N, C-alpha and C. Protein backbone atom coordinates (compact mmCIF):
# COMPACT_ATOMS: atom_id res chain seq x y z
N MET A 1 -0.25 13.71 2.89
CA MET A 1 0.15 12.33 2.44
C MET A 1 -1.43 12.22 1.91
N GLU A 2 -2.60 13.01 1.61
CA GLU A 2 -3.22 13.15 0.64
C GLU A 2 -2.75 13.00 -0.88
N LYS A 3 -3.85 11.81 -1.72
CA LYS A 3 -3.25 11.77 -3.09
C LYS A 3 -4.49 12.17 -3.68
N ASN A 4 -4.25 12.40 -5.25
CA ASN A 4 -5.15 12.13 -6.28
C ASN A 4 -5.80 10.88 -6.47
N GLN A 5 -6.93 10.74 -5.60
CA GLN A 5 -7.83 9.30 -5.95
C GLN A 5 -8.18 9.37 -7.47
N GLN A 6 -8.41 10.38 -8.22
CA GLN A 6 -8.86 10.05 -9.60
C GLN A 6 -7.84 9.55 -10.52
N ALA A 7 -6.67 10.36 -10.29
CA ALA A 7 -5.64 9.99 -11.55
C ALA A 7 -4.52 9.58 -10.69
N GLY A 8 -3.98 8.45 -11.13
CA GLY A 8 -2.76 7.92 -10.40
C GLY A 8 -2.71 6.78 -9.20
N PHE A 9 -4.10 6.71 -9.21
CA PHE A 9 -4.82 5.74 -7.79
C PHE A 9 -3.91 4.03 -8.57
N ARG A 10 -3.69 3.89 -7.22
CA ARG A 10 -2.60 2.39 -7.41
C ARG A 10 -3.70 1.14 -6.88
N HIS A 11 -4.27 0.37 -7.64
CA HIS A 11 -5.18 -0.43 -7.15
C HIS A 11 -4.54 -1.62 -6.97
N ILE A 12 -5.01 -2.14 -6.05
CA ILE A 12 -3.87 -3.61 -5.77
C ILE A 12 -5.28 -4.46 -5.68
N THR A 13 -4.80 -5.84 -6.39
CA THR A 13 -5.58 -6.59 -6.86
C THR A 13 -5.42 -7.84 -5.31
N PRO A 14 -6.40 -8.26 -4.78
CA PRO A 14 -6.42 -8.97 -3.32
C PRO A 14 -5.54 -10.29 -3.91
N PRO A 15 -4.89 -10.66 -3.04
CA PRO A 15 -4.14 -12.23 -3.25
C PRO A 15 -5.24 -13.51 -3.19
N GLY A 16 -5.66 -14.26 -4.18
CA GLY A 16 -6.17 -15.24 -4.25
C GLY A 16 -6.33 -16.33 -2.97
N ARG A 17 -7.24 -16.88 -3.29
CA ARG A 17 -7.47 -17.88 -1.59
C ARG A 17 -6.57 -19.03 -1.77
N GLY A 18 -5.83 -19.23 -3.10
CA GLY A 18 -4.80 -20.25 -2.87
C GLY A 18 -3.74 -19.55 -2.25
N LYS A 19 -3.39 -18.80 -2.79
CA LYS A 19 -2.15 -18.08 -1.86
C LYS A 19 -2.10 -17.50 -0.86
N LEU A 20 -3.36 -17.17 0.03
CA LEU A 20 -3.71 -17.16 1.46
C LEU A 20 -3.51 -18.06 2.05
N ALA A 21 -4.13 -19.17 1.02
CA ALA A 21 -4.08 -20.59 2.04
C ALA A 21 -2.93 -21.33 2.35
N ALA A 22 -2.39 -21.21 1.63
CA ALA A 22 -0.76 -21.73 1.56
C ALA A 22 0.11 -20.54 2.42
N LYS A 23 -0.05 -19.28 2.49
CA LYS A 23 0.38 -18.81 3.68
C LYS A 23 0.14 -18.75 4.75
N ARG A 24 -1.05 -19.27 5.11
CA ARG A 24 -1.54 -19.28 6.38
C ARG A 24 -1.07 -21.01 7.43
N ALA A 25 -0.97 -21.77 5.86
CA ALA A 25 -0.91 -23.09 6.41
C ALA A 25 0.71 -23.06 7.18
N PHE A 26 1.39 -22.13 6.44
CA PHE A 26 2.49 -22.11 6.33
C PHE A 26 3.28 -21.42 7.46
N ASP A 27 2.46 -20.35 7.91
CA ASP A 27 2.23 -19.67 9.28
C ASP A 27 1.59 -20.58 10.57
N VAL A 28 0.88 -21.26 10.33
CA VAL A 28 0.46 -22.22 11.57
C VAL A 28 1.47 -23.49 12.23
N CYS A 29 2.30 -23.73 10.78
CA CYS A 29 2.88 -24.84 11.47
C CYS A 29 4.10 -24.19 11.55
N CYS A 30 4.80 -22.96 11.03
CA CYS A 30 6.23 -22.44 11.63
C CYS A 30 6.30 -21.46 13.03
N SER A 31 5.18 -21.00 13.21
CA SER A 31 5.29 -20.76 14.65
C SER A 31 4.83 -21.80 15.84
N ALA A 32 4.48 -22.50 15.44
CA ALA A 32 4.08 -23.90 16.53
C ALA A 32 5.35 -24.34 16.76
N LEU A 33 6.07 -24.65 15.75
CA LEU A 33 7.42 -25.28 15.42
C LEU A 33 8.22 -24.33 16.52
N GLY A 34 8.06 -22.72 15.92
CA GLY A 34 9.12 -21.46 16.15
C GLY A 34 8.87 -21.69 18.03
N LEU A 35 7.71 -21.44 18.01
CA LEU A 35 7.47 -21.31 19.95
C LEU A 35 8.08 -22.17 20.31
N VAL A 36 8.35 -23.64 19.98
CA VAL A 36 9.14 -25.03 21.10
C VAL A 36 10.24 -24.63 20.64
N ALA A 37 10.94 -24.45 19.38
CA ALA A 37 11.84 -24.30 19.36
C ALA A 37 12.99 -22.89 19.72
N ALA A 38 12.07 -22.11 20.09
CA ALA A 38 13.07 -20.45 20.79
C ALA A 38 12.03 -20.88 22.14
N SER A 39 11.72 -21.65 22.84
CA SER A 39 11.26 -21.80 24.25
C SER A 39 12.45 -21.46 25.34
N PRO A 40 13.70 -21.71 25.36
CA PRO A 40 14.78 -21.33 25.89
C PRO A 40 15.34 -20.31 25.59
N ILE A 41 15.13 -19.51 24.53
CA ILE A 41 15.22 -17.95 24.41
C ILE A 41 14.13 -17.20 24.65
N LEU A 42 12.93 -17.61 25.10
CA LEU A 42 11.82 -17.17 25.23
C LEU A 42 12.14 -16.49 26.79
N LEU A 43 12.39 -18.24 27.79
CA LEU A 43 12.15 -18.41 28.88
C LEU A 43 13.82 -17.44 29.64
N ALA A 44 14.50 -17.27 28.62
CA ALA A 44 16.00 -16.72 28.97
C ALA A 44 15.54 -14.83 28.73
N ALA A 45 14.71 -14.66 27.98
CA ALA A 45 14.72 -13.08 27.90
C ALA A 45 13.45 -12.53 29.06
N SER A 46 12.67 -13.59 29.63
CA SER A 46 11.77 -13.20 29.90
C SER A 46 11.99 -13.06 31.18
N VAL A 47 13.04 -13.58 32.18
CA VAL A 47 13.85 -13.82 32.93
C VAL A 47 14.66 -12.25 33.00
N ALA A 48 15.82 -12.24 31.88
CA ALA A 48 16.11 -10.78 31.74
C ALA A 48 15.52 -9.74 31.81
N VAL A 49 14.16 -9.68 31.30
CA VAL A 49 13.69 -8.48 31.72
C VAL A 49 12.73 -8.38 33.27
N GLY A 50 12.40 -9.54 33.29
CA GLY A 50 11.37 -9.54 34.72
C GLY A 50 12.22 -9.26 35.87
N THR A 51 13.88 -9.44 36.08
CA THR A 51 14.98 -9.20 36.81
C THR A 51 15.44 -8.01 36.65
N THR A 52 15.10 -7.33 35.74
CA THR A 52 16.36 -5.77 35.49
C THR A 52 15.37 -4.61 35.56
N SER A 53 14.22 -5.01 34.99
CA SER A 53 13.10 -3.40 35.49
C SER A 53 11.88 -4.20 35.94
N PRO A 54 11.08 -3.32 36.66
CA PRO A 54 9.71 -3.45 37.07
C PRO A 54 8.17 -2.90 35.62
N GLY A 55 7.75 -3.48 35.82
CA GLY A 55 6.50 -3.66 35.01
C GLY A 55 5.85 -4.27 33.97
N GLY A 56 6.33 -5.59 34.78
CA GLY A 56 6.00 -6.92 33.55
C GLY A 56 6.95 -7.30 32.25
N VAL A 57 6.96 -8.66 31.63
CA VAL A 57 7.65 -8.69 31.04
C VAL A 57 7.22 -8.52 29.48
N LEU A 58 5.94 -8.80 29.49
CA LEU A 58 5.55 -8.15 28.06
C LEU A 58 4.98 -6.94 27.70
N PHE A 59 5.05 -6.60 26.45
CA PHE A 59 4.56 -5.17 26.30
C PHE A 59 3.07 -5.81 25.18
N ARG A 60 2.11 -4.93 25.49
CA ARG A 60 0.85 -5.02 24.71
C ARG A 60 0.57 -3.93 24.38
N GLN A 61 -0.14 -3.80 23.02
CA GLN A 61 -0.49 -2.59 22.78
C GLN A 61 -1.46 -3.05 21.45
N GLU A 62 -2.71 -2.68 21.25
CA GLU A 62 -3.20 -2.48 20.19
C GLU A 62 -3.36 -1.65 18.70
N ARG A 63 -3.27 -2.77 17.77
CA ARG A 63 -2.33 -2.32 16.59
C ARG A 63 -3.71 -2.73 15.69
N ILE A 64 -3.70 -2.17 14.51
CA ILE A 64 -4.94 -2.65 13.43
C ILE A 64 -4.23 -3.52 12.30
N GLY A 65 -4.92 -4.20 12.33
CA GLY A 65 -4.77 -5.49 11.31
C GLY A 65 -5.44 -5.68 10.34
N ARG A 66 -5.37 -7.08 9.64
CA ARG A 66 -6.26 -7.14 8.36
C ARG A 66 -7.84 -7.08 8.49
N GLY A 67 -8.32 -6.24 6.97
CA GLY A 67 -9.84 -5.64 7.43
C GLY A 67 -9.40 -4.06 7.90
N GLY A 68 -8.82 -3.68 8.73
CA GLY A 68 -8.73 -2.72 9.29
C GLY A 68 -9.14 -3.36 10.98
N LYS A 69 -9.05 -4.07 11.47
CA LYS A 69 -9.94 -4.80 12.64
C LYS A 69 -8.77 -4.42 14.03
N PRO A 70 -8.58 -4.12 15.39
CA PRO A 70 -7.84 -4.39 15.99
C PRO A 70 -7.49 -5.23 16.50
N PHE A 71 -6.35 -5.54 17.26
CA PHE A 71 -5.67 -6.77 17.85
C PHE A 71 -4.70 -6.42 18.76
N THR A 72 -4.44 -7.28 19.70
CA THR A 72 -3.20 -6.61 20.76
C THR A 72 -2.27 -7.87 20.11
N ILE A 73 -1.31 -6.62 19.89
CA ILE A 73 0.41 -7.26 19.33
C ILE A 73 1.07 -7.48 20.94
N TYR A 74 1.84 -8.43 20.72
CA TYR A 74 3.14 -9.15 22.20
C TYR A 74 4.68 -8.99 21.58
N LYS A 75 5.24 -8.21 22.19
CA LYS A 75 6.73 -8.04 22.47
C LYS A 75 6.98 -8.18 23.98
N PHE A 76 8.54 -8.61 24.46
CA PHE A 76 9.03 -8.68 25.28
C PHE A 76 9.22 -7.08 25.36
N ARG A 77 9.15 -6.69 26.80
CA ARG A 77 9.02 -5.37 27.38
C ARG A 77 10.06 -4.44 26.87
N SER A 78 10.33 -3.58 26.20
CA SER A 78 12.08 -3.12 26.14
C SER A 78 12.41 -1.94 26.79
N MET A 79 11.07 -1.16 27.21
CA MET A 79 11.22 0.16 27.72
C MET A 79 10.55 0.06 29.54
N ARG A 80 11.01 1.39 30.05
CA ARG A 80 10.32 1.64 31.46
C ARG A 80 9.18 1.37 31.41
N LYS A 81 8.56 1.27 32.52
CA LYS A 81 7.19 0.99 32.42
C LYS A 81 6.69 2.35 32.59
N ASP A 82 6.99 3.72 32.81
CA ASP A 82 6.55 4.63 32.75
C ASP A 82 7.09 5.28 31.57
N ASN A 83 6.67 4.62 30.23
CA ASN A 83 7.23 5.16 28.71
C ASN A 83 6.24 5.80 28.20
N ALA A 84 5.86 6.92 29.12
CA ALA A 84 4.59 7.74 28.06
C ALA A 84 5.63 8.50 27.37
N GLY A 85 4.82 9.07 26.20
CA GLY A 85 5.58 9.55 24.85
C GLY A 85 5.25 9.14 23.83
N LEU A 86 6.13 9.67 22.51
CA LEU A 86 5.80 9.24 21.56
C LEU A 86 5.58 7.71 21.24
N LYS A 87 4.85 7.34 20.11
CA LYS A 87 4.42 6.14 20.01
C LYS A 87 5.71 5.24 19.16
N ILE A 88 7.02 6.38 18.89
CA ILE A 88 7.88 5.47 18.12
C ILE A 88 9.18 5.77 18.79
N THR A 89 10.23 5.41 18.89
CA THR A 89 11.43 5.68 19.38
C THR A 89 12.32 5.96 18.29
N THR A 90 13.45 6.73 18.84
CA THR A 90 14.94 7.38 18.20
C THR A 90 15.73 6.81 19.10
N GLY A 91 17.05 6.86 18.28
CA GLY A 91 18.05 5.89 18.88
C GLY A 91 18.53 6.13 20.09
N HIS A 92 18.79 7.24 20.34
CA HIS A 92 18.74 7.39 21.86
C HIS A 92 17.54 7.67 23.34
N ASP A 93 16.78 7.14 22.79
CA ASP A 93 15.66 7.09 23.45
C ASP A 93 16.10 6.57 24.79
N ALA A 94 15.76 7.70 26.26
CA ALA A 94 15.87 7.01 27.35
C ALA A 94 15.27 6.03 28.08
N ARG A 95 13.99 5.78 27.32
CA ARG A 95 13.19 4.98 27.72
C ARG A 95 13.19 3.56 27.76
N VAL A 96 14.13 3.39 26.83
CA VAL A 96 14.59 2.18 26.55
C VAL A 96 15.53 1.44 27.45
N THR A 97 15.21 0.31 28.06
CA THR A 97 15.88 -0.12 29.26
C THR A 97 17.65 -1.12 28.68
N PRO A 98 18.62 -1.19 29.22
CA PRO A 98 19.73 -1.91 28.68
C PRO A 98 19.39 -2.91 28.37
N VAL A 99 18.82 -3.62 28.80
CA VAL A 99 18.31 -5.24 28.61
C VAL A 99 17.46 -5.13 27.18
N GLY A 100 16.60 -4.08 27.22
CA GLY A 100 15.74 -3.94 26.17
C GLY A 100 16.52 -3.71 24.81
N LYS A 101 17.70 -2.48 24.85
CA LYS A 101 18.24 -2.31 23.52
C LYS A 101 18.90 -3.57 22.80
N PHE A 102 19.54 -4.37 23.95
CA PHE A 102 19.56 -5.51 22.92
C PHE A 102 18.67 -6.44 22.46
N LEU A 103 17.87 -6.57 23.37
CA LEU A 103 16.42 -7.42 23.01
C LEU A 103 15.93 -6.29 21.42
N ARG A 104 15.98 -5.49 21.20
CA ARG A 104 15.59 -4.77 20.09
C ARG A 104 16.75 -4.76 18.54
N LYS A 105 17.93 -4.64 19.33
CA LYS A 105 19.18 -5.29 18.08
C LYS A 105 19.13 -6.66 17.70
N SER A 106 18.73 -8.01 18.54
CA SER A 106 18.63 -8.85 17.97
C SER A 106 17.23 -9.11 17.36
N LYS A 107 16.34 -8.64 18.02
CA LYS A 107 14.74 -8.48 17.06
C LYS A 107 14.51 -9.73 18.14
N ILE A 108 14.43 -10.18 19.33
CA ILE A 108 14.24 -11.40 20.04
C ILE A 108 13.09 -10.70 21.11
N ASP A 109 12.74 -9.67 20.76
CA ASP A 109 11.82 -8.54 21.86
C ASP A 109 10.66 -8.86 20.40
N GLU A 110 10.69 -9.51 19.50
CA GLU A 110 9.74 -9.77 18.68
C GLU A 110 9.03 -11.32 18.67
N LEU A 111 9.69 -11.93 19.54
CA LEU A 111 9.62 -13.67 19.15
C LEU A 111 7.85 -14.10 19.81
N PRO A 112 7.84 -12.84 20.93
CA PRO A 112 6.10 -13.52 21.48
C PRO A 112 5.28 -12.83 20.05
N GLN A 113 5.66 -12.52 19.38
CA GLN A 113 4.80 -12.52 17.94
C GLN A 113 4.49 -13.67 17.37
N LEU A 114 5.40 -14.92 17.49
CA LEU A 114 4.82 -15.92 17.13
C LEU A 114 3.60 -16.34 17.45
N TRP A 115 3.23 -15.78 18.82
CA TRP A 115 1.73 -16.01 19.29
C TRP A 115 0.53 -15.83 18.71
N ASN A 116 0.79 -14.49 17.78
CA ASN A 116 0.30 -13.60 17.34
C ASN A 116 -0.07 -14.28 15.65
N VAL A 117 1.00 -14.96 15.19
CA VAL A 117 1.37 -16.02 14.35
C VAL A 117 0.04 -16.92 14.21
N LEU A 118 0.44 -17.58 15.40
CA LEU A 118 -0.27 -18.84 15.75
C LEU A 118 -1.91 -18.53 15.74
N LYS A 119 -2.25 -17.80 16.38
CA LYS A 119 -3.61 -16.84 16.56
C LYS A 119 -4.29 -16.35 15.03
N GLY A 120 -3.40 -16.11 14.15
CA GLY A 120 -4.34 -15.76 13.14
C GLY A 120 -4.24 -13.84 13.18
N ASP A 121 -3.57 -13.55 14.31
CA ASP A 121 -3.53 -11.73 14.10
C ASP A 121 -2.40 -11.25 12.96
N MET A 122 -1.68 -12.45 13.15
CA MET A 122 -0.81 -11.72 12.13
C MET A 122 0.18 -13.10 11.17
N SER A 123 0.86 -12.40 10.47
CA SER A 123 1.56 -13.27 9.60
C SER A 123 3.47 -13.71 9.87
N PHE A 124 4.02 -14.48 9.21
CA PHE A 124 5.48 -14.29 9.70
C PHE A 124 5.74 -13.03 8.66
N VAL A 125 5.10 -12.85 7.47
CA VAL A 125 5.67 -11.92 6.76
C VAL A 125 4.27 -10.98 6.12
N GLY A 126 4.32 -9.72 6.32
CA GLY A 126 3.19 -8.84 5.74
C GLY A 126 3.86 -7.48 6.32
N PRO A 127 3.03 -6.07 5.74
CA PRO A 127 3.26 -5.08 6.87
C PRO A 127 3.41 -4.91 8.03
N ARG A 128 4.06 -4.42 8.52
CA ARG A 128 4.21 -4.27 9.72
C ARG A 128 2.79 -3.51 10.67
N PRO A 129 2.19 -3.57 11.45
CA PRO A 129 1.28 -2.86 11.65
C PRO A 129 1.26 -1.81 12.64
N GLU A 130 0.22 -0.86 12.44
CA GLU A 130 0.59 0.48 13.13
C GLU A 130 -0.63 0.75 14.32
N VAL A 131 -0.28 1.22 14.91
CA VAL A 131 -1.62 1.92 16.30
C VAL A 131 -2.56 2.81 15.16
N LYS A 132 -3.64 3.15 15.65
CA LYS A 132 -4.80 3.69 15.41
C LYS A 132 -4.40 4.81 15.04
N GLU A 133 -3.82 5.27 15.75
CA GLU A 133 -3.22 6.87 15.62
C GLU A 133 -2.37 7.36 14.23
N TYR A 134 -2.19 6.52 13.50
CA TYR A 134 -1.26 6.56 12.32
C TYR A 134 -2.34 5.73 11.27
N THR A 135 -2.55 4.49 11.52
CA THR A 135 -3.76 4.61 10.27
C THR A 135 -4.90 5.29 9.95
N ASP A 136 -5.21 6.31 10.99
CA ASP A 136 -6.40 6.99 10.65
C ASP A 136 -6.00 7.63 9.88
N LEU A 137 -4.52 8.40 9.56
CA LEU A 137 -4.10 9.35 8.55
C LEU A 137 -4.06 8.67 7.34
N TYR A 138 -4.32 7.42 7.11
CA TYR A 138 -4.54 6.76 5.95
C TYR A 138 -5.62 7.40 4.52
N ASN A 139 -5.24 7.45 3.36
CA ASN A 139 -5.72 7.61 2.30
C ASN A 139 -6.64 6.50 1.68
N GLU A 140 -7.44 6.80 0.96
CA GLU A 140 -8.33 5.32 0.39
C GLU A 140 -7.32 4.18 -0.29
N GLU A 141 -5.91 5.13 -0.63
CA GLU A 141 -5.55 3.83 -1.31
C GLU A 141 -4.33 3.04 -0.30
N GLN A 142 -3.69 3.94 0.71
CA GLN A 142 -2.91 3.45 1.58
C GLN A 142 -3.70 2.43 2.07
N ARG A 143 -5.06 2.17 2.24
CA ARG A 143 -5.63 1.81 3.08
C ARG A 143 -5.81 -0.04 2.61
N GLN A 144 -5.43 -0.05 1.22
CA GLN A 144 -5.26 -1.34 1.02
C GLN A 144 -4.40 -2.08 1.57
N ILE A 145 -3.75 -1.22 2.70
CA ILE A 145 -2.73 -2.50 3.24
C ILE A 145 -3.24 -3.39 4.02
N PHE A 146 -4.53 -3.07 4.49
CA PHE A 146 -5.28 -4.18 5.29
C PHE A 146 -6.04 -5.20 4.43
N LEU A 147 -5.40 -5.31 3.32
CA LEU A 147 -5.86 -6.47 2.42
C LEU A 147 -5.76 -7.91 3.09
N VAL A 148 -3.93 -7.84 3.67
CA VAL A 148 -3.40 -9.25 4.44
C VAL A 148 -3.15 -8.73 5.78
N ARG A 149 -2.72 -9.99 6.43
CA ARG A 149 -2.34 -9.86 7.81
C ARG A 149 -1.01 -9.17 7.90
N PRO A 150 -1.13 -8.28 8.92
CA PRO A 150 0.39 -7.68 9.06
C PRO A 150 1.12 -8.85 9.49
N GLY A 151 2.63 -8.36 9.47
CA GLY A 151 3.43 -9.77 9.68
C GLY A 151 4.51 -9.34 10.65
N ILE A 152 5.41 -9.94 11.13
CA ILE A 152 6.72 -9.67 11.70
C ILE A 152 7.94 -8.85 10.92
N THR A 153 7.72 -9.44 9.62
CA THR A 153 8.84 -8.87 9.07
C THR A 153 8.16 -8.41 7.49
N ASP A 154 8.58 -7.80 6.45
CA ASP A 154 8.29 -7.30 5.63
C ASP A 154 9.92 -6.30 4.90
N LEU A 155 9.37 -6.21 3.75
CA LEU A 155 10.26 -5.23 3.12
C LEU A 155 10.60 -4.03 3.50
N ALA A 156 9.73 -3.53 4.59
CA ALA A 156 9.85 -2.08 4.75
C ALA A 156 11.11 -2.31 6.14
N SER A 157 10.74 -3.12 6.98
CA SER A 157 11.50 -4.03 8.07
C SER A 157 12.97 -4.19 7.80
N ILE A 158 13.13 -4.65 6.33
CA ILE A 158 14.46 -4.44 6.14
C ILE A 158 14.82 -3.16 5.49
N GLU A 159 14.70 -2.22 4.79
CA GLU A 159 14.64 -1.17 4.69
C GLU A 159 15.16 0.02 5.51
N PHE A 160 14.35 -0.22 6.93
CA PHE A 160 14.31 1.01 7.67
C PHE A 160 14.63 -0.15 9.39
N ARG A 161 15.61 -0.90 8.75
CA ARG A 161 16.16 -1.57 10.01
C ARG A 161 16.86 -1.04 11.02
N ASN A 162 17.24 0.59 10.69
CA ASN A 162 17.63 1.26 11.78
C ASN A 162 16.69 2.70 11.48
N GLU A 163 15.61 2.55 11.62
CA GLU A 163 14.90 3.48 11.75
C GLU A 163 14.77 4.48 12.93
N ASN A 164 15.28 3.35 13.78
CA ASN A 164 15.44 4.40 15.17
C ASN A 164 16.73 5.81 15.03
N ASP A 165 17.54 5.31 14.24
CA ASP A 165 18.88 6.21 14.39
C ASP A 165 18.56 6.95 13.55
N LEU A 166 17.67 6.77 12.05
CA LEU A 166 16.98 7.73 11.52
C LEU A 166 16.29 8.98 11.66
N LEU A 167 15.48 8.64 12.70
CA LEU A 167 14.63 9.37 13.56
C LEU A 167 15.43 10.65 14.71
N THR A 168 16.40 9.87 15.27
CA THR A 168 17.49 10.99 15.96
C THR A 168 17.40 12.14 15.38
N ASP A 169 18.37 12.24 14.19
CA ASP A 169 18.62 13.81 14.00
C ASP A 169 17.56 14.20 13.38
N SER A 170 16.34 13.86 13.78
CA SER A 170 14.97 15.00 12.99
C SER A 170 14.67 15.74 14.68
N GLU A 171 14.30 17.22 14.05
CA GLU A 171 13.59 18.13 15.20
C GLU A 171 12.45 17.72 15.73
N ASP A 172 11.62 16.79 15.09
CA ASP A 172 10.55 16.68 14.95
C ASP A 172 10.01 15.08 14.38
N PRO A 173 10.46 13.86 15.22
CA PRO A 173 10.50 12.62 15.00
C PRO A 173 8.99 12.22 14.29
N ASN A 174 8.46 12.35 15.21
CA ASN A 174 6.75 12.15 14.68
C ASN A 174 6.50 12.56 13.30
N ARG A 175 6.82 13.51 13.26
CA ARG A 175 6.33 14.48 11.91
C ARG A 175 7.11 13.99 11.10
N THR A 176 8.40 13.77 11.01
CA THR A 176 9.14 12.64 9.86
C THR A 176 8.70 11.47 9.91
N TYR A 177 8.29 11.05 10.38
CA TYR A 177 7.89 9.70 10.60
C TYR A 177 6.36 9.46 9.22
N ILE A 178 5.38 10.66 10.04
CA ILE A 178 4.61 10.66 9.40
C ILE A 178 4.33 11.02 8.11
N GLU A 179 5.22 11.75 7.89
CA GLU A 179 5.51 12.73 6.30
C GLU A 179 6.29 11.71 5.42
N GLU A 180 7.78 11.38 6.19
CA GLU A 180 8.80 10.62 5.40
C GLU A 180 8.56 8.78 5.12
N ILE A 181 8.64 8.05 6.54
CA ILE A 181 8.88 7.28 6.54
C ILE A 181 7.78 6.20 6.31
N MET A 182 6.50 7.01 6.93
CA MET A 182 5.57 5.88 7.01
C MET A 182 4.70 5.93 5.47
N PRO A 183 4.89 6.43 4.89
CA PRO A 183 4.43 6.62 3.27
C PRO A 183 5.31 5.56 2.35
N ARG A 184 6.61 5.60 2.72
CA ARG A 184 7.43 5.07 2.47
C ARG A 184 6.72 3.29 2.33
N LYS A 185 6.96 3.00 4.02
CA LYS A 185 6.35 1.49 4.49
C LYS A 185 5.14 0.93 3.67
N ILE A 186 4.32 1.75 3.64
CA ILE A 186 3.34 1.40 3.18
C ILE A 186 3.43 1.12 1.63
N ASP A 187 3.99 2.56 0.93
CA ASP A 187 4.28 1.58 -0.66
C ASP A 187 5.10 0.08 -0.16
N LEU A 188 5.51 -0.07 0.02
CA LEU A 188 6.64 -1.17 0.57
C LEU A 188 5.44 -2.40 0.73
N GLY A 189 5.02 -1.97 1.30
CA GLY A 189 3.83 -2.77 2.02
C GLY A 189 2.57 -3.04 0.30
N LEU A 190 2.87 -2.07 -0.14
CA LEU A 190 1.36 -2.75 -1.28
C LEU A 190 2.52 -3.13 -2.40
N THR A 191 3.84 -2.87 -2.29
CA THR A 191 4.49 -3.76 -3.56
C THR A 191 4.72 -5.37 -3.13
N TYR A 192 4.97 -5.41 -1.58
CA TYR A 192 4.70 -7.25 -1.14
C TYR A 192 3.30 -7.45 -1.01
N ILE A 193 2.20 -7.05 -1.41
CA ILE A 193 0.98 -7.77 -1.50
C ILE A 193 1.01 -8.11 -2.97
N GLU A 194 1.25 -7.12 -3.83
CA GLU A 194 0.80 -7.57 -5.28
C GLU A 194 2.11 -8.71 -5.59
N ASN A 195 2.88 -9.06 -4.95
CA ASN A 195 3.70 -9.94 -5.53
C ASN A 195 3.92 -11.21 -3.98
N LEU A 196 2.89 -10.74 -3.57
CA LEU A 196 2.75 -12.00 -2.33
C LEU A 196 2.68 -13.80 -2.78
N SER A 197 3.27 -14.47 -2.46
CA SER A 197 3.58 -15.87 -2.44
C SER A 197 4.11 -16.23 -1.75
N LEU A 198 4.24 -17.68 -1.27
CA LEU A 198 4.81 -18.67 -0.01
C LEU A 198 6.44 -18.35 -0.39
N GLY A 199 6.69 -18.50 -1.75
CA GLY A 199 8.05 -18.82 -2.25
C GLY A 199 8.49 -16.95 -1.61
N TYR A 200 7.81 -15.94 -2.15
CA TYR A 200 8.40 -14.52 -1.84
C TYR A 200 8.04 -14.62 -0.28
N ASP A 201 7.53 -15.36 0.22
CA ASP A 201 7.34 -15.06 2.43
C ASP A 201 9.02 -15.68 2.24
N ILE A 202 9.21 -16.64 2.14
CA ILE A 202 10.45 -17.62 2.72
C ILE A 202 11.31 -16.74 1.88
N LYS A 203 11.46 -16.07 0.85
CA LYS A 203 13.09 -15.08 0.55
C LYS A 203 13.41 -13.82 1.43
N LEU A 204 12.22 -13.17 1.95
CA LEU A 204 12.19 -12.14 3.05
C LEU A 204 12.46 -12.65 4.29
N ILE A 205 12.22 -14.25 4.79
CA ILE A 205 12.43 -14.52 5.73
C ILE A 205 14.12 -14.75 5.89
N LEU A 206 14.60 -15.20 4.99
CA LEU A 206 15.57 -15.21 4.75
C LEU A 206 16.63 -14.04 5.16
N ARG A 207 16.41 -12.90 3.56
CA ARG A 207 16.70 -11.55 4.00
C ARG A 207 16.52 -10.92 5.21
N THR A 208 15.58 -11.58 6.07
CA THR A 208 15.62 -10.85 7.47
C THR A 208 16.76 -11.47 8.16
N LEU A 209 16.31 -12.61 8.36
CA LEU A 209 17.36 -12.90 9.02
C LEU A 209 18.98 -13.30 8.92
N VAL A 210 19.73 -12.74 7.43
CA VAL A 210 20.99 -12.04 7.37
C VAL A 210 20.89 -11.17 7.58
N THR A 211 19.66 -10.17 7.35
CA THR A 211 20.16 -8.47 8.04
C THR A 211 20.18 -8.46 9.48
N VAL A 212 20.12 -9.32 10.06
CA VAL A 212 20.24 -9.38 11.76
C VAL A 212 21.03 -9.95 11.99
N ILE A 213 21.60 -10.83 11.19
CA ILE A 213 23.33 -11.40 11.43
C ILE A 213 24.57 -10.32 11.39
N ARG A 214 24.17 -10.01 9.93
CA ARG A 214 24.74 -9.17 9.62
C ARG A 214 25.24 -7.99 10.50
N ASP A 215 23.98 -6.83 11.06
CA ASP A 215 23.67 -6.22 11.48
C ASP A 215 24.57 -6.73 13.42
């Protein structure tokens, strides 16, 4: 994924303080309201996960966020407790539980990240956070992705909504992800940063909701 850093370097101008302040105010208000409004779904999902497979309700994993700093991301656990293996999943990954399949398809597994948004680890919209194993592969240009907080959804989340299925046919899913999918995701993330605004965030949230409903 290395690029010529001298020619064709894509320089991203950091978003202004005003845009970031408006974005953060929106995140705080909506994540707090979202946690309250989604509390019945959160409770139902917790019961479903906790009663159908051992291993706890929440999945916790270290991801890399704004400024390249690590944080703990929260999701409803959708895999078996003994889920050693790739950091990515394919369409027929045997580690995913029956309840987990539904949670992933409906995106309910992402709801605990409202807490990450409220805390300030994440935003509603922003480049999806990766594990250090992958971010260590970023070149200088790609590391500009850390200019903003990672998000629950973004352009890449919409384009690669069926990412697991795309990896199913690969003989080496990890290599396919690193060499083909991840660079495209980063490119889309940088495009988002270049166009960052509260209005753009709202537009992407609505597009995400429409995509989830249609799928």
